[in-house]
Amino acid sequence: MAEANQRQPFRPWQIRDRCFNVRRRGLDPVEIRTFLHRVADELTVAQTALVAVQEENVRIKNALRAWQSAQSANHRYR
């Protein structure tokens, strides 16, 4: 059984579409919706940046492996 802290991360649309129960003296729903949209927008930016960094990391690792292989091949035939 999965632990509660291992849940999937929120997606921006999940934040934007989140609904809350209405109470008699509750918070302003427009203010809540505005805040949720802002958080979702910032999450979109962060997740996009994370994907870009992960892709760059893979590219750098592949380049390093290729360089190490080339260096190893050069040293074997000397």
C-alpha atoms as a PDB file:
ATOM      1  CA  MET A   1       0.000   0.000   0.000  1.00  0.00           C
ATOM      2  CA  ALA A   2       1.383   3.427  -0.950  1.00  0.00           C
ATOM      3  CA  GLU A   3       2.171   5.877   1.812  1.00  0.00           C
ATOM      4  CA  ALA A   4       0.274   9.178   1.926  1.00  0.00           C
ATOM      5  CA  ASN A   5       3.479  11.173   1.409  1.00  0.00           C
ATOM      6  CA  GLN A   6       4.174   9.304  -1.848  1.00  0.00           C
ATOM      7  CA  ARG A   7       1.162  10.721  -3.683  1.00  0.00           C
ATOM      8  CA  GLN A   8       1.509  11.999  -7.216  1.00  0.00           C
ATOM      9  CA  PRO A   9       2.373  15.718  -7.404  1.00  0.00           C
ATOM     10  CA  PHE A  10      -0.418  18.141  -8.141  1.00  0.00           C
ATOM     11  CA  ARG A  11      -0.988  19.149 -11.730  1.00  0.00           C
ATOM     12  CA  PRO A  12      -1.877  22.780 -12.492  1.00  0.00           C
ATOM     13  CA  TRP A  13      -5.364  21.838 -13.707  1.00  0.00           C
ATOM     14  CA  GLN A  14      -6.030  20.078 -10.392  1.00  0.00           C
ATOM     15  CA  ILE A  15      -5.312  23.304  -8.547  1.00  0.00           C
ATOM     16  CA  ARG A  16      -7.373  25.430 -10.933  1.00  0.00           C
ATOM     17  CA  ASP A  17     -10.363  23.065 -10.739  1.00  0.00           C
ATOM     18  CA  ARG A  18     -10.265  22.549  -6.955  1.00  0.00           C
ATOM     19  CA  CYS A  19     -13.565  23.332  -5.262  1.00  0.00           C
ATOM     20  CA  PHE A  20     -14.189  24.015  -1.598  1.00  0.00           C
ATOM     21  CA  ASN A  21     -17.275  23.726   0.523  1.00  0.00           C
ATOM     22  CA  VAL A  22     -19.195  26.965   0.946  1.00  0.00           C
ATOM     23  CA  ARG A  23     -19.762  28.098   4.514  1.00  0.00           C
ATOM     24  CA  ARG A  24     -21.952  30.830   5.874  1.00  0.00           C
ATOM     25  CA  ARG A  25     -19.036  33.055   6.871  1.00  0.00           C
ATOM     26  CA  GLY A  26     -16.447  31.574   4.552  1.00  0.00           C
ATOM     27  CA  LEU A  27     -13.715  33.147   2.499  1.00  0.00           C
ATOM     28  CA  ASP A  28     -14.298  35.098  -0.690  1.00  0.00           C
ATOM     29  CA  PRO A  29     -14.641  32.491  -3.473  1.00  0.00           C
ATOM     30  CA  VAL A  30     -13.322  34.913  -6.106  1.00  0.00           C
ATOM     31  CA  GLU A  31     -10.205  35.582  -4.035  1.00  0.00           C
ATOM     32  CA  ILE A  32      -9.665  31.846  -3.534  1.00  0.00           C
ATOM     33  CA  ARG A  33     -10.095  31.142  -7.260  1.00  0.00           C
ATOM     34  CA  THR A  34      -7.660  33.974  -8.153  1.00  0.00           C
ATOM     35  CA  PHE A  35      -5.108  32.591  -5.708  1.00  0.00           C
ATOM     36  CA  LEU A  36      -5.479  29.027  -7.000  1.00  0.00           C
ATOM     37  CA  HIS A  37      -4.953  30.209 -10.578  1.00  0.00           C
ATOM     38  CA  ARG A  38      -1.799  32.062  -9.545  1.00  0.00           C
ATOM     39  CA  VAL A  39      -0.454  28.984  -7.730  1.00  0.00           C
ATOM     40  CA  ALA A  40      -1.302  26.792 -10.735  1.00  0.00           C
ATOM     41  CA  ASP A  41       0.506  29.200 -13.084  1.00  0.00           C
ATOM     42  CA  GLU A  42       3.603  29.172 -10.883  1.00  0.00           C
ATOM     43  CA  LEU A  43       3.445  25.368 -10.698  1.00  0.00           C
ATOM     44  CA  THR A  44       3.300  25.214 -14.495  1.00  0.00           C
ATOM     45  CA  VAL A  45       6.464  27.311 -14.724  1.00  0.00           C
ATOM     46  CA  ALA A  46       8.240  25.198 -12.095  1.00  0.00           C
ATOM     47  CA  GLN A  47       7.265  21.879 -13.692  1.00  0.00           C
ATOM     48  CA  THR A  48       8.306  23.106 -17.144  1.00  0.00           C
ATOM     49  CA  ALA A  49      11.680  24.213 -15.767  1.00  0.00           C
ATOM     50  CA  LEU A  50      12.119  20.874 -14.010  1.00  0.00           C
ATOM     51  CA  VAL A  51      11.517  18.948 -17.233  1.00  0.00           C
ATOM     52  CA  ALA A  52      14.024  21.164 -19.060  1.00  0.00           C
ATOM     53  CA  VAL A  53      16.650  20.576 -16.353  1.00  0.00           C
ATOM     54  CA  GLN A  54      16.033  16.823 -16.401  1.00  0.00           C
ATOM     55  CA  GLU A  55      16.419  16.744 -20.198  1.00  0.00           C
ATOM     56  CA  GLU A  56      19.616  18.786 -19.989  1.00  0.00           C
ATOM     57  CA  ASN A  57      20.919  16.419 -17.312  1.00  0.00           C
ATOM     58  CA  VAL A  58      20.355  13.427 -19.623  1.00  0.00           C
ATOM     59  CA  ARG A  59      22.071  15.255 -22.488  1.00  0.00           C
ATOM     60  CA  ILE A  60      25.101  16.083 -20.326  1.00  0.00           C
ATOM     61  CA  LYS A  61      25.340  12.522 -18.975  1.00  0.00           C
ATOM     62  CA  ASN A  62      25.213  11.113 -22.507  1.00  0.00           C
ATOM     63  CA  ALA A  63      27.892  13.543 -23.686  1.00  0.00           C
ATOM     64  CA  LEU A  64      30.085  12.612 -20.716  1.00  0.00           C
ATOM     65  CA  ARG A  65      29.676   8.900 -21.416  1.00  0.00           C
ATOM     66  CA  ALA A  66      30.575   9.431 -25.072  1.00  0.00           C
ATOM     67  CA  TRP A  67      33.626  11.484 -24.092  1.00  0.00           C
ATOM     68  CA  GLN A  68      34.723   8.857 -21.546  1.00  0.00           C
ATOM     69  CA  SER A  69      34.331   6.101 -24.134  1.00  0.00           C
ATOM     70  CA  ALA A  70      36.381   8.076 -26.646  1.00  0.00           C
ATOM     71  CA  GLN A  71      39.100   8.708 -24.044  1.00  0.00           C
ATOM     72  CA  SER A  72      39.136   5.047 -23.070  1.00  0.00           C
ATOM     73  CA  ALA A  73      39.408   3.962 -26.712  1.00  0.00           C
ATOM     74  CA  ASN A  74      42.299   6.377 -27.301  1.00  0.00           C
ATOM     75  CA  HIS A  75      44.239   4.999 -24.357  1.00  0.00           C
ATOM     76  CA  ARG A  76      43.742   1.343 -25.302  1.00  0.00           C
ATOM     77  CA  TYR A  77      45.428   1.619 -28.704  1.00  0.00           C
ATOM     78  CA  ARG A  78      48.523   3.512 -27.656  1.00  0.00           C
END
